[in-house]
């Protein structure tokens, strides 16, 4: 391989790695967070009150860069992590979680709004 092609190859490789490193993990401002292990994957749970009594926003974020994620698997892991967190949060008040809304963000991060009732 000639030097120009080799330099171009390394430049393209570095650019690709830089794009992967800049993966946006989508955090919610003003949250408390913790790390969970779900099916062998590290997940970060970002929890924030909504301003409505006993209502919270929860964002479950993969704690690693994922190339070509499987949305179905990511949703399942996100739901598992969210179930754990919502139960723990509501258990403190002797209440049960009720999901208000939920969605998969960018095929990898799981967002849920819930109330303790």
PDB file of N, CA and C in Angstrom:
ATOM      1  N   UNK A   1       0.858  -1.170   0.000  1.00  0.00           N
ATOM      2  CA  UNK A   1       0.000   0.000   0.000  1.00  0.00           C
ATOM      3  C   UNK A   1       0.905   1.233   0.000  1.00  0.00           C
ATOM      4  N   UNK A   2       0.619   2.171  -0.884  1.00  0.00           N
ATOM      5  CA  UNK A   2       1.479   3.348  -0.952  1.00  0.00           C
ATOM      6  C   UNK A   2       1.207   4.279   0.239  1.00  0.00           C
ATOM      7  N   UNK A   3       2.146   5.171   0.562  1.00  0.00           N
ATOM      8  CA  UNK A   3       2.028   6.028   1.745  1.00  0.00           C
ATOM      9  C   UNK A   3       0.784   6.920   1.745  1.00  0.00           C
ATOM     10  N   UNK A   4       0.373   7.404   0.574  1.00  0.00           N
ATOM     11  CA  UNK A   4      -0.811   8.265   0.524  1.00  0.00           C
ATOM     12  C   UNK A   4      -2.083   7.487   0.883  1.00  0.00           C
ATOM     13  N   UNK A   5      -2.197   6.286   0.365  1.00  0.00           N
ATOM     14  CA  UNK A   5      -3.368   5.463   0.690  1.00  0.00           C
ATOM     15  C   UNK A   5      -3.356   5.058   2.155  1.00  0.00           C
ATOM     16  N   UNK A   6      -2.182   4.769   2.669  1.00  0.00           N
ATOM     17  CA  UNK A   6      -2.054   4.398   4.070  1.00  0.00           C
ATOM     18  C   UNK A   6      -2.466   5.571   4.967  1.00  0.00           C
ATOM     19  N   UNK A   7      -2.033   6.773   4.629  1.00  0.00           N
ATOM     20  CA  UNK A   7      -2.405   7.964   5.393  1.00  0.00           C
ATOM     21  C   UNK A   7      -3.909   8.195   5.317  1.00  0.00           C
ATOM     22  N   UNK A   8      -4.492   8.021   4.141  1.00  0.00           N
ATOM     23  CA  UNK A   8      -5.932   8.190   3.975  1.00  0.00           C
ATOM     24  C   UNK A   8      -6.699   7.161   4.807  1.00  0.00           C
ATOM     25  N   UNK A   9      -6.225   5.926   4.810  1.00  0.00           N
ATOM     26  CA  UNK A   9      -6.846   4.864   5.608  1.00  0.00           C
ATOM     27  C   UNK A   9      -6.834   5.219   7.090  1.00  0.00           C
ATOM     28  N   UNK A  10      -5.684   5.660   7.616  1.00  0.00           N
ATOM     29  CA  UNK A  10      -5.590   6.013   9.030  1.00  0.00           C
ATOM     30  C   UNK A  10      -6.453   7.226   9.363  1.00  0.00           C
ATOM     31  N   UNK A  11      -6.509   8.190   8.461  1.00  0.00           N
ATOM     32  CA  UNK A  11      -7.352   9.371   8.684  1.00  0.00           C
ATOM     33  C   UNK A  11      -8.824   8.975   8.756  1.00  0.00           C
ATOM     34  N   UNK A  12      -9.256   8.124   7.830  1.00  0.00           N
ATOM     35  CA  UNK A  12     -10.645   7.668   7.827  1.00  0.00           C
ATOM     36  C   UNK A  12     -10.960   6.858   9.081  1.00  0.00           C
ATOM     37  N   UNK A  13     -10.028   6.019   9.501  1.00  0.00           N
ATOM     38  CA  UNK A  13     -10.216   5.219  10.708  1.00  0.00           C
ATOM     39  C   UNK A  13     -10.334   6.110  11.933  1.00  0.00           C
ATOM     40  N   UNK A  14      -9.456   7.101  12.058  1.00  0.00           N
ATOM     41  CA  UNK A  14      -9.512   8.023  13.194  1.00  0.00           C
ATOM     42  C   UNK A  14     -10.809   8.824  13.200  1.00  0.00           C
ATOM     43  N   UNK A  15     -11.269   9.243  12.034  1.00  0.00           N
ATOM     44  CA  UNK A  15     -12.530   9.981  11.945  1.00  0.00           C
ATOM     45  C   UNK A  15     -13.699   9.107  12.401  1.00  0.00           C
ATOM     46  N   UNK A  16     -13.700   7.850  11.991  1.00  0.00           N
ATOM     47  CA  UNK A  16     -14.771   6.930  12.399  1.00  0.00           C
ATOM     48  C   UNK A  16     -14.753   6.703  13.902  1.00  0.00           C
ATOM     49  N   UNK A  17     -13.565   6.529  14.466  1.00  0.00           N
ATOM     50  CA  UNK A  17     -13.457   6.346  15.913  1.00  0.00           C
ATOM     51  C   UNK A  17     -13.894   7.584  16.674  1.00  0.00           C
ATOM     52  N   UNK A  18     -13.581   8.755  16.163  1.00  0.00           N
ATOM     53  CA  UNK A  18     -13.998  10.005  16.809  1.00  0.00           C
ATOM     54  C   UNK A  18     -15.518  10.123  16.810  1.00  0.00           C
ATOM     55  N   UNK A  19     -16.167   9.716  15.719  1.00  0.00           N
ATOM     56  CA  UNK A  19     -17.628   9.780  15.664  1.00  0.00           C
ATOM     57  C   UNK A  19     -18.247   8.829  16.674  1.00  0.00           C
ATOM     58  N   UNK A  20     -17.690   7.647  16.832  1.00  0.00           N
ATOM     59  CA  UNK A  20     -18.197   6.682  17.801  1.00  0.00           C
ATOM     60  C   UNK A  20     -17.983   7.210  19.213  1.00  0.00           C
ATOM     61  N   UNK A  21     -16.851   7.817  19.477  1.00  0.00           N
ATOM     62  CA  UNK A  21     -16.552   8.336  20.810  1.00  0.00           C
ATOM     63  C   UNK A  21     -17.478   9.472  21.199  1.00  0.00           C
ATOM     64  N   UNK A  22     -18.047  10.155  20.230  1.00  0.00           N
ATOM     65  CA  UNK A  22     -18.941  11.276  20.509  1.00  0.00           C
ATOM     66  C   UNK A  22     -20.382  10.835  20.689  1.00  0.00           C
ATOM     67  N   UNK A  23     -20.633   9.562  20.890  1.00  0.00           N
ATOM     68  CA  UNK A  23     -21.976   9.033  21.083  1.00  0.00           C
ATOM     69  C   UNK A  23     -22.688   9.799  22.193  1.00  0.00           C
ATOM     70  N   UNK A  24     -23.849  10.369  21.897  1.00  0.00           N
ATOM     71  CA  UNK A  24     -24.627  11.145  22.856  1.00  0.00           C
ATOM     72  C   UNK A  24     -25.442  10.198  23.720  1.00  0.00           C
ATOM     73  N   UNK A  25     -25.213  10.215  25.023  1.00  0.00           N
ATOM     74  CA  UNK A  25     -25.917   9.311  25.908  1.00  0.00           C
ATOM     75  C   UNK A  25     -27.240   9.877  26.407  1.00  0.00           C
ATOM     76  N   UNK A  26     -27.637  11.045  25.972  1.00  0.00           N
ATOM     77  CA  UNK A  26     -28.943  11.600  26.283  1.00  0.00           C
ATOM     78  C   UNK A  26     -29.234  11.607  27.782  1.00  0.00           C
ATOM     79  N   UNK A  27     -28.747  12.581  28.481  1.00  0.00           N
ATOM     80  CA  UNK A  27     -29.037  12.686  29.897  1.00  0.00           C
ATOM     81  C   UNK A  27     -30.082  13.754  30.139  1.00  0.00           C
ATOM     82  N   UNK A  28     -30.801  13.628  31.229  1.00  0.00           N
ATOM     83  CA  UNK A  28     -31.802  14.603  31.619  1.00  0.00           C
ATOM     84  C   UNK A  28     -31.148  15.531  32.644  1.00  0.00           C
ATOM     85  N   UNK A  29     -31.233  16.825  32.407  1.00  0.00           N
ATOM     86  CA  UNK A  29     -30.603  17.802  33.287  1.00  0.00           C
ATOM     87  C   UNK A  29     -31.189  17.722  34.694  1.00  0.00           C
ATOM     88  N   UNK A  30     -30.326  17.821  35.717  1.00  0.00           N
ATOM     89  CA  UNK A  30     -30.761  17.839  37.108  1.00  0.00           C
ATOM     90  C   UNK A  30     -31.173  16.490  37.653  1.00  0.00           C
ATOM     91  N   UNK A  31     -30.623  15.421  37.129  1.00  0.00           N
ATOM     92  CA  UNK A  31     -31.037  14.087  37.545  1.00  0.00           C
ATOM     93  C   UNK A  31     -30.111  13.507  38.597  1.00  0.00           C
ATOM     94  N   UNK A  32     -30.624  12.491  39.260  1.00  0.00           N
ATOM     95  CA  UNK A  32     -29.761  11.631  40.054  1.00  0.00           C
ATOM     96  C   UNK A  32     -29.579  10.382  39.208  1.00  0.00           C
ATOM     97  N   UNK A  33     -28.431   9.752  39.298  1.00  0.00           N
ATOM     98  CA  UNK A  33     -28.219   8.585  38.452  1.00  0.00           C
ATOM     99  C   UNK A  33     -27.504   7.482  39.211  1.00  0.00           C
ATOM    100  N   UNK A  34     -27.662   6.269  38.690  1.00  0.00           N
ATOM    101  CA  UNK A  34     -26.958   5.102  39.223  1.00  0.00           C
ATOM    102  C   UNK A  34     -26.782   4.100  38.102  1.00  0.00           C
ATOM    103  N   UNK A  35     -25.889   3.176  38.308  1.00  0.00           N
ATOM    104  CA  UNK A  35     -25.590   2.169  37.294  1.00  0.00           C
ATOM    105  C   UNK A  35     -26.201   0.834  37.705  1.00  0.00           C
ATOM    106  N   UNK A  36     -26.804   0.162  36.736  1.00  0.00           N
ATOM    107  CA  UNK A  36     -27.396  -1.160  36.940  1.00  0.00           C
ATOM    108  C   UNK A  36     -26.771  -2.135  35.956  1.00  0.00           C
ATOM    109  N   UNK A  37     -26.856  -3.417  36.277  1.00  0.00           N
ATOM    110  CA  UNK A  37     -26.431  -4.460  35.347  1.00  0.00           C
ATOM    111  C   UNK A  37     -27.672  -5.224  34.920  1.00  0.00           C
ATOM    112  N   UNK A  38     -27.955  -5.229  33.626  1.00  0.00           N
ATOM    113  CA  UNK A  38     -29.119  -5.938  33.092  1.00  0.00           C
ATOM    114  C   UNK A  38     -28.636  -6.849  31.972  1.00  0.00           C
ATOM    115  N   UNK A  39     -28.834  -8.122  32.156  1.00  0.00           N
ATOM    116  CA  UNK A  39     -28.442  -9.126  31.154  1.00  0.00           C
ATOM    117  C   UNK A  39     -26.976  -8.950  30.745  1.00  0.00           C
ATOM    118  N   UNK A  40     -26.129  -8.672  31.706  1.00  0.00           N
ATOM    119  CA  UNK A  40     -24.701  -8.523  31.445  1.00  0.00           C
ATOM    120  C   UNK A  40     -24.294  -7.188  30.852  1.00  0.00           C
ATOM    121  N   UNK A  41     -25.224  -6.275  30.710  1.00  0.00           N
ATOM    122  CA  UNK A  41     -24.925  -4.951  30.135  1.00  0.00           C
ATOM    123  C   UNK A  41     -25.076  -3.890  31.222  1.00  0.00           C
ATOM    124  N   UNK A  42     -24.132  -2.935  31.229  1.00  0.00           N
ATOM    125  CA  UNK A  42     -24.217  -1.824  32.178  1.00  0.00           C
ATOM    126  C   UNK A  42     -25.185  -0.779  31.645  1.00  0.00           C
ATOM    127  N   UNK A  43     -26.110  -0.380  32.517  1.00  0.00           N
ATOM    128  CA  UNK A  43     -27.119   0.616  32.166  1.00  0.00           C
ATOM    129  C   UNK A  43     -27.050   1.726  33.208  1.00  0.00           C
ATOM    130  N   UNK A  44     -27.222   2.950  32.746  1.00  0.00           N
ATOM    131  CA  UNK A  44     -27.240   4.091  33.657  1.00  0.00           C
ATOM    132  C   UNK A  44     -28.679   4.575  33.758  1.00  0.00           C
ATOM    133  N   UNK A  45     -29.187   4.692  34.981  1.00  0.00           N
ATOM    134  CA  UNK A  45     -30.555   5.144  35.211  1.00  0.00           C
ATOM    135  C   UNK A  45     -30.510   6.588  35.706  1.00  0.00           C
ATOM    136  N   UNK A  46     -31.083   7.498  34.937  1.00  0.00           N
ATOM    137  CA  UNK A  46     -31.155   8.914  35.295  1.00  0.00           C
ATOM    138  C   UNK A  46     -32.584   9.221  35.718  1.00  0.00           C
ATOM    139  N   UNK A  47     -32.763   9.603  36.980  1.00  0.00           N
ATOM    140  CA  UNK A  47     -34.080   9.839  37.548  1.00  0.00           C
ATOM    141  C   UNK A  47     -34.241  11.308  37.899  1.00  0.00           C
ATOM    142  N   UNK A  48     -35.420  11.866  37.568  1.00  0.00           N
ATOM    143  CA  UNK A  48     -35.682  13.274  37.839  1.00  0.00           C
ATOM    144  C   UNK A  48     -37.162  13.472  38.147  1.00  0.00           C
ATOM    145  N   UNK A  49     -37.497  14.248  39.204  1.00  0.00           N
ATOM    146  CA  UNK A  49     -38.914  14.561  39.435  1.00  0.00           C
ATOM    147  C   UNK A  49     -39.424  15.490  38.335  1.00  0.00           C
ATOM    148  N   UNK A  50     -40.712  15.381  38.003  1.00  0.00           N
ATOM    149  CA  UNK A  50     -41.282  16.199  36.937  1.00  0.00           C
ATOM    150  C   UNK A  50     -41.830  17.526  37.446  1.00  0.00           C
ATOM    151  N   UNK A  51     -42.016  17.647  38.748  1.00  0.00           N
ATOM    152  CA  UNK A  51     -42.660  18.833  39.311  1.00  0.00           C
ATOM    153  C   UNK A  51     -44.077  18.519  39.760  1.00  0.00           C
ATOM    154  N   UNK A  52     -44.655  17.438  39.232  1.00  0.00           N
ATOM    155  CA  UNK A  52     -45.957  16.945  39.682  1.00  0.00           C
ATOM    156  C   UNK A  52     -45.694  15.986  40.843  1.00  0.00           C
ATOM    157  N   UNK A  53     -46.449  16.084  41.937  1.00  0.00           N
ATOM    158  CA  UNK A  53     -46.217  15.185  43.075  1.00  0.00           C
ATOM    159  C   UNK A  53     -46.209  13.714  42.667  1.00  0.00           C
ATOM    160  N   UNK A  54     -45.226  12.991  43.148  1.00  0.00           N
ATOM    161  CA  UNK A  54     -45.066  11.551  42.926  1.00  0.00           C
ATOM    162  C   UNK A  54     -44.912  11.157  41.458  1.00  0.00           C
ATOM    163  N   UNK A  55     -44.462  12.082  40.601  1.00  0.00           N
ATOM    164  CA  UNK A  55     -44.257  11.768  39.183  1.00  0.00           C
ATOM    165  C   UNK A  55     -42.795  11.993  38.827  1.00  0.00           C
ATOM    166  N   UNK A  56     -42.233  11.078  38.041  1.00  0.00           N
ATOM    167  CA  UNK A  56     -40.812  11.110  37.727  1.00  0.00           C
ATOM    168  C   UNK A  56     -40.560  10.812  36.257  1.00  0.00           C
ATOM    169  N   UNK A  57     -39.463  11.373  35.746  1.00  0.00           N
ATOM    170  CA  UNK A  57     -38.921  11.003  34.443  1.00  0.00           C
ATOM    171  C   UNK A  57     -37.732  10.093  34.699  1.00  0.00           C
ATOM    172  N   UNK A  58     -37.623   9.058  33.908  1.00  0.00           N
ATOM    173  CA  UNK A  58     -36.525   8.103  34.041  1.00  0.00           C
ATOM    174  C   UNK A  58     -35.970   7.828  32.654  1.00  0.00           C
ATOM    175  N   UNK A  59     -34.666   7.972  32.507  1.00  0.00           N
ATOM    176  CA  UNK A  59     -34.003   7.662  31.244  1.00  0.00           C
ATOM    177  C   UNK A  59     -32.974   6.578  31.512  1.00  0.00           C
ATOM    178  N   UNK A  60     -33.122   5.457  30.837  1.00  0.00           N
ATOM    179  CA  UNK A  60     -32.179   4.342  30.947  1.00  0.00           C
ATOM    180  C   UNK A  60     -31.260   4.427  29.739  1.00  0.00           C
ATOM    181  N   UNK A  61     -29.958   4.541  29.998  1.00  0.00           N
ATOM    182  CA  UNK A  61     -28.964   4.757  28.955  1.00  0.00           C
ATOM    183  C   UNK A  61     -27.935   3.639  29.007  1.00  0.00           C
ATOM    184  N   UNK A  62     -27.599   3.063  27.854  1.00  0.00           N
ATOM    185  CA  UNK A  62     -26.509   2.084  27.803  1.00  0.00           C
ATOM    186  C   UNK A  62     -25.224   2.778  28.205  1.00  0.00           C
ATOM    187  N   UNK A  63     -24.432   2.144  29.023  1.00  0.00           N
ATOM    188  CA  UNK A  63     -23.196   2.717  29.535  1.00  0.00           C
ATOM    189  C   UNK A  63     -22.008   2.362  28.641  1.00  0.00           C
ATOM    190  N   UNK A  64     -22.280   2.157  27.355  1.00  0.00           N
ATOM    191  CA  UNK A  64     -21.225   1.833  26.390  1.00  0.00           C
ATOM    192  C   UNK A  64     -21.702   2.243  25.008  1.00  0.00           C
ATOM    193  N   UNK A  65     -20.778   2.413  24.128  1.00  0.00           N
ATOM    194  CA  UNK A  65     -21.105   2.700  22.739  1.00  0.00           C
ATOM    195  C   UNK A  65     -21.617   1.409  22.103  1.00  0.00           C
ATOM    196  N   UNK A  66     -22.700   1.519  21.360  1.00  0.00           N
ATOM    197  CA  UNK A  66     -23.281   0.351  20.705  1.00  0.00           C
ATOM    198  C   UNK A  66     -23.343   0.615  19.200  1.00  0.00           C
ATOM    199  N   UNK A  67     -22.748  -0.267  18.442  1.00  0.00           N
ATOM    200  CA  UNK A  67     -22.788  -0.161  16.987  1.00  0.00           C
ATOM    201  C   UNK A  67     -23.846  -1.135  16.488  1.00  0.00           C
ATOM    202  N   UNK A  68     -24.736  -0.655  15.628  1.00  0.00           N
ATOM    203  CA  UNK A  68     -25.844  -1.453  15.098  1.00  0.00           C
ATOM    204  C   UNK A  68     -26.671  -2.098  16.214  1.00  0.00           C
ATOM    205  N   UNK A  69     -27.283  -1.290  17.079  1.00  0.00           N
ATOM    206  CA  UNK A  69     -28.061  -1.863  18.180  1.00  0.00           C
ATOM    207  C   UNK A  69     -29.307  -2.589  17.680  1.00  0.00           C
ATOM    208  N   UNK A  70     -29.721  -3.592  18.417  1.00  0.00           N
ATOM    209  CA  UNK A  70     -30.971  -4.295  18.143  1.00  0.00           C
ATOM    210  C   UNK A  70     -32.047  -3.625  18.998  1.00  0.00           C
ATOM    211  N   UNK A  71     -32.930  -2.821  18.390  1.00  0.00           N
ATOM    212  CA  UNK A  71     -33.918  -2.070  19.167  1.00  0.00           C
ATOM    213  C   UNK A  71     -34.779  -2.939  20.086  1.00  0.00           C
ATOM    214  N   UNK A  72     -35.126  -4.129  19.649  1.00  0.00           N
ATOM    215  CA  UNK A  72     -35.959  -5.006  20.477  1.00  0.00           C
ATOM    216  C   UNK A  72     -35.211  -5.423  21.753  1.00  0.00           C
ATOM    217  N   UNK A  73     -33.944  -5.791  21.618  1.00  0.00           N
ATOM    218  CA  UNK A  73     -33.148  -6.164  22.791  1.00  0.00           C
ATOM    219  C   UNK A  73     -32.902  -4.973  23.699  1.00  0.00           C
ATOM    220  N   UNK A  74     -32.614  -3.812  23.093  1.00  0.00           N
ATOM    221  CA  UNK A  74     -32.369  -2.605  23.883  1.00  0.00           C
ATOM    222  C   UNK A  74     -33.625  -2.207  24.656  1.00  0.00           C
ATOM    223  N   UNK A  75     -34.780  -2.307  24.016  1.00  0.00           N
ATOM    224  CA  UNK A  75     -36.045  -1.993  24.700  1.00  0.00           C
ATOM    225  C   UNK A  75     -36.261  -2.950  25.872  1.00  0.00           C
ATOM    226  N   UNK A  76     -36.031  -4.239  25.657  1.00  0.00           N
ATOM    227  CA  UNK A  76     -36.235  -5.233  26.718  1.00  0.00           C
ATOM    228  C   UNK A  76     -35.326  -4.946  27.911  1.00  0.00           C
ATOM    229  N   UNK A  77     -34.055  -4.643  27.651  1.00  0.00           N
ATOM    230  CA  UNK A  77     -33.140  -4.312  28.751  1.00  0.00           C
ATOM    231  C   UNK A  77     -33.564  -3.010  29.437  1.00  0.00           C
ATOM    232  N   UNK A  78     -33.973  -2.034  28.636  1.00  0.00           N
ATOM    233  CA  UNK A  78     -34.436  -0.767  29.198  1.00  0.00           C
ATOM    234  C   UNK A  78     -35.658  -0.950  30.077  1.00  0.00           C
ATOM    235  N   UNK A  79     -36.595  -1.752  29.620  1.00  0.00           N
ATOM    236  CA  UNK A  79     -37.800  -2.026  30.414  1.00  0.00           C
ATOM    237  C   UNK A  79     -37.455  -2.737  31.709  1.00  0.00           C
ATOM    238  N   UNK A  80     -36.533  -3.692  31.644  1.00  0.00           N
ATOM    239  CA  UNK A  80     -36.100  -4.415  32.846  1.00  0.00           C
ATOM    240  C   UNK A  80     -35.485  -3.452  33.866  1.00  0.00           C
ATOM    241  N   UNK A  81     -34.585  -2.601  33.407  1.00  0.00           N
ATOM    242  CA  UNK A  81     -33.948  -1.628  34.307  1.00  0.00           C
ATOM    243  C   UNK A  81     -34.985  -0.653  34.859  1.00  0.00           C
ATOM    244  N   UNK A  82     -35.880  -0.167  34.009  1.00  0.00           N
ATOM    245  CA  UNK A  82     -36.907   0.786  34.442  1.00  0.00           C
ATOM    246  C   UNK A  82     -37.830   0.153  35.480  1.00  0.00           C
ATOM    247  N   UNK A  83     -38.186  -1.098  35.290  1.00  0.00           N
ATOM    248  CA  UNK A  83     -39.047  -1.792  36.255  1.00  0.00           C
ATOM    249  C   UNK A  83     -38.391  -1.830  37.624  1.00  0.00           C
ATOM    250  N   UNK A  84     -37.108  -2.157  37.655  1.00  0.00           N
ATOM    251  CA  UNK A  84     -36.375  -2.192  38.937  1.00  0.00           C
ATOM    252  C   UNK A  84     -36.402  -0.822  39.619  1.00  0.00           C
ATOM    253  N   UNK A  85     -36.065   0.213  38.853  1.00  0.00           N
ATOM    254  CA  UNK A  85     -35.959   1.560  39.433  1.00  0.00           C
ATOM    255  C   UNK A  85     -37.321   2.066  39.875  1.00  0.00           C
ATOM    256  N   UNK A  86     -38.351   1.921  39.038  1.00  0.00           N
ATOM    257  CA  UNK A  86     -39.672   2.442  39.395  1.00  0.00           C
ATOM    258  C   UNK A  86     -40.203   1.757  40.652  1.00  0.00           C
ATOM    259  N   UNK A  87     -39.989   0.466  40.771  1.00  0.00           N
ATOM    260  CA  UNK A  87     -40.430  -0.259  41.984  1.00  0.00           C
ATOM    261  C   UNK A  87     -39.701   0.250  43.219  1.00  0.00           C
ATOM    262  N   UNK A  88     -38.389   0.445  43.109  1.00  0.00           N
ATOM    263  CA  UNK A  88     -37.620   0.936  44.255  1.00  0.00           C
ATOM    264  C   UNK A  88     -38.057   2.331  44.679  1.00  0.00           C
ATOM    265  N   UNK A  89     -38.252   3.216  43.701  1.00  0.00           N
ATOM    266  CA  UNK A  89     -38.639   4.596  44.003  1.00  0.00           C
ATOM    267  C   UNK A  89     -39.999   4.621  44.698  1.00  0.00           C
ATOM    268  N   UNK A  90     -40.955   3.896  44.170  1.00  0.00           N
ATOM    269  CA  UNK A  90     -42.310   3.918  44.733  1.00  0.00           C
ATOM    270  C   UNK A  90     -42.410   3.133  46.045  1.00  0.00           C
ATOM    271  N   UNK A  91     -41.579   2.118  46.203  1.00  0.00           N
ATOM    272  CA  UNK A  91     -41.602   1.298  47.426  1.00  0.00           C
ATOM    273  C   UNK A  91     -41.282   2.139  48.652  1.00  0.00           C
ATOM    274  N   UNK A  92     -40.423   3.139  48.489  1.00  0.00           N
ATOM    275  CA  UNK A  92     -40.050   4.029  49.603  1.00  0.00           C
ATOM    276  C   UNK A  92     -41.301   4.679  50.201  1.00  0.00           C
ATOM    277  N   UNK A  93     -42.301   4.954  49.350  1.00  0.00           N
ATOM    278  CA  UNK A  93     -43.540   5.614  49.792  1.00  0.00           C
ATOM    279  C   UNK A  93     -44.683   4.614  49.976  1.00  0.00           C
ATOM    280  N   UNK A  94     -44.359   3.311  49.942  1.00  0.00           N
ATOM    281  CA  UNK A  94     -45.366   2.249  50.005  1.00  0.00           C
ATOM    282  C   UNK A  94     -46.431   2.406  48.930  1.00  0.00           C
ATOM    283  N   UNK A  95     -45.994   2.787  47.722  1.00  0.00           N
ATOM    284  CA  UNK A  95     -46.885   2.963  46.578  1.00  0.00           C
ATOM    285  C   UNK A  95     -46.430   2.058  45.440  1.00  0.00           C
ATOM    286  N   UNK A  96     -47.215   1.994  44.392  1.00  0.00           N
ATOM    287  CA  UNK A  96     -46.882   1.194  43.217  1.00  0.00           C
ATOM    288  C   UNK A  96     -46.669   2.103  42.006  1.00  0.00           C
ATOM    289  N   UNK A  97     -45.736   1.735  41.113  1.00  0.00           N
ATOM    290  CA  UNK A  97     -45.504   2.557  39.921  1.00  0.00           C
ATOM    291  C   UNK A  97     -46.594   2.350  38.869  1.00  0.00           C
ATOM    292  N   UNK A  98     -46.950   3.438  38.198  1.00  0.00           N
ATOM    293  CA  UNK A  98     -47.855   3.382  37.055  1.00  0.00           C
ATOM    294  C   UNK A  98     -47.204   4.171  35.923  1.00  0.00           C
ATOM    295  N   UNK A  99     -47.020   3.539  34.797  1.00  0.00           N
ATOM    296  CA  UNK A  99     -46.371   4.169  33.647  1.00  0.00           C
ATOM    297  C   UNK A  99     -47.333   5.171  33.004  1.00  0.00           C
ATOM    298  N   UNK A 100     -46.852   6.395  32.819  1.00  0.00           N
ATOM    299  CA  UNK A 100     -47.632   7.437  32.162  1.00  0.00           C
ATOM    300  C   UNK A 100     -47.313   7.432  30.666  1.00  0.00           C
ATOM    301  N   UNK A 101     -46.026   7.353  30.329  1.00  0.00           N
ATOM    302  CA  UNK A 101     -45.594   7.264  28.936  1.00  0.00           C
ATOM    303  C   UNK A 101     -44.234   6.605  28.879  1.00  0.00           C
ATOM    304  N   UNK A 102     -43.919   6.042  27.708  1.00  0.00           N
ATOM    305  CA  UNK A 102     -42.612   5.408  27.515  1.00  0.00           C
ATOM    306  C   UNK A 102     -42.293   5.382  26.034  1.00  0.00           C
ATOM    307  N   UNK A 103     -40.972   5.334  25.737  1.00  0.00           N
ATOM    308  CA  UNK A 103     -40.539   5.242  24.337  1.00  0.00           C
ATOM    309  C   UNK A 103     -39.053   4.877  24.295  1.00  0.00           C
ATOM    310  N   UNK A 104     -38.640   4.359  23.160  1.00  0.00           N
ATOM    311  CA  UNK A 104     -37.237   4.069  22.901  1.00  0.00           C
ATOM    312  C   UNK A 104     -36.661   5.260  22.145  1.00  0.00           C
ATOM    313  N   UNK A 105     -35.545   5.798  22.626  1.00  0.00           N
ATOM    314  CA  UNK A 105     -34.922   6.971  22.026  1.00  0.00           C
ATOM    315  C   UNK A 105     -33.663   6.534  21.286  1.00  0.00           C
ATOM    316  N   UNK A 106     -33.539   6.895  20.019  1.00  0.00           N
ATOM    317  CA  UNK A 106     -32.363   6.578  19.203  1.00  0.00           C
ATOM    318  C   UNK A 106     -32.056   5.083  19.154  1.00  0.00           C
ATOM    319  N   UNK A 107     -33.084   4.245  19.209  1.00  0.00           N
ATOM    320  CA  UNK A 107     -32.974   2.788  19.130  1.00  0.00           C
ATOM    321  C   UNK A 107     -32.148   2.159  20.250  1.00  0.00           C
ATOM    322  N   UNK A 108     -31.859   2.907  21.320  1.00  0.00           N
ATOM    323  CA  UNK A 108     -30.997   2.351  22.352  1.00  0.00           C
ATOM    324  C   UNK A 108     -31.358   2.792  23.768  1.00  0.00           C
ATOM    325  N   UNK A 109     -31.782   4.025  23.956  1.00  0.00           N
ATOM    326  CA  UNK A 109     -32.075   4.552  25.289  1.00  0.00           C
ATOM    327  C   UNK A 109     -33.575   4.485  25.554  1.00  0.00           C
ATOM    328  N   UNK A 110     -33.935   4.077  26.768  1.00  0.00           N
ATOM    329  CA  UNK A 110     -35.341   3.875  27.106  1.00  0.00           C
ATOM    330  C   UNK A 110     -35.795   4.977  28.058  1.00  0.00           C
ATOM    331  N   UNK A 111     -36.843   5.705  27.656  1.00  0.00           N
ATOM    332  CA  UNK A 111     -37.387   6.797  28.454  1.00  0.00           C
ATOM    333  C   UNK A 111     -38.754   6.385  28.989  1.00  0.00           C
ATOM    334  N   UNK A 112     -39.004   6.689  30.259  1.00  0.00           N
ATOM    335  CA  UNK A 112     -40.311   6.408  30.849  1.00  0.00           C
ATOM    336  C   UNK A 112     -40.672   7.529  31.826  1.00  0.00           C
ATOM    337  N   UNK A 113     -41.930   7.926  31.814  1.00  0.00           N
ATOM    338  CA  UNK A 113     -42.483   8.827  32.834  1.00  0.00           C
ATOM    339  C   UNK A 113     -43.436   7.971  33.651  1.00  0.00           C
ATOM    340  N   UNK A 114     -43.298   8.029  34.972  1.00  0.00           N
ATOM    341  CA  UNK A 114     -44.149   7.201  35.830  1.00  0.00           C
ATOM    342  C   UNK A 114     -44.601   7.985  37.052  1.00  0.00           C
ATOM    343  N   UNK A 115     -45.679   7.452  37.661  1.00  0.00           N
ATOM    344  CA  UNK A 115     -46.215   8.000  38.914  1.00  0.00           C
ATOM    345  C   UNK A 115     -46.243   6.895  39.953  1.00  0.00           C
ATOM    346  N   UNK A 116     -46.047   7.300  41.175  1.00  0.00           N
ATOM    347  CA  UNK A 116     -46.219   6.382  42.294  1.00  0.00           C
ATOM    348  C   UNK A 116     -47.654   6.588  42.807  1.00  0.00           C
ATOM    349  N   UNK A 117     -48.487   5.537  42.742  1.00  0.00           N
ATOM    350  CA  UNK A 117     -49.894   5.633  43.141  1.00  0.00           C
ATOM    351  C   UNK A 117     -50.230   4.602  44.205  1.00  0.00           C
TER     352      UNK A 117
END
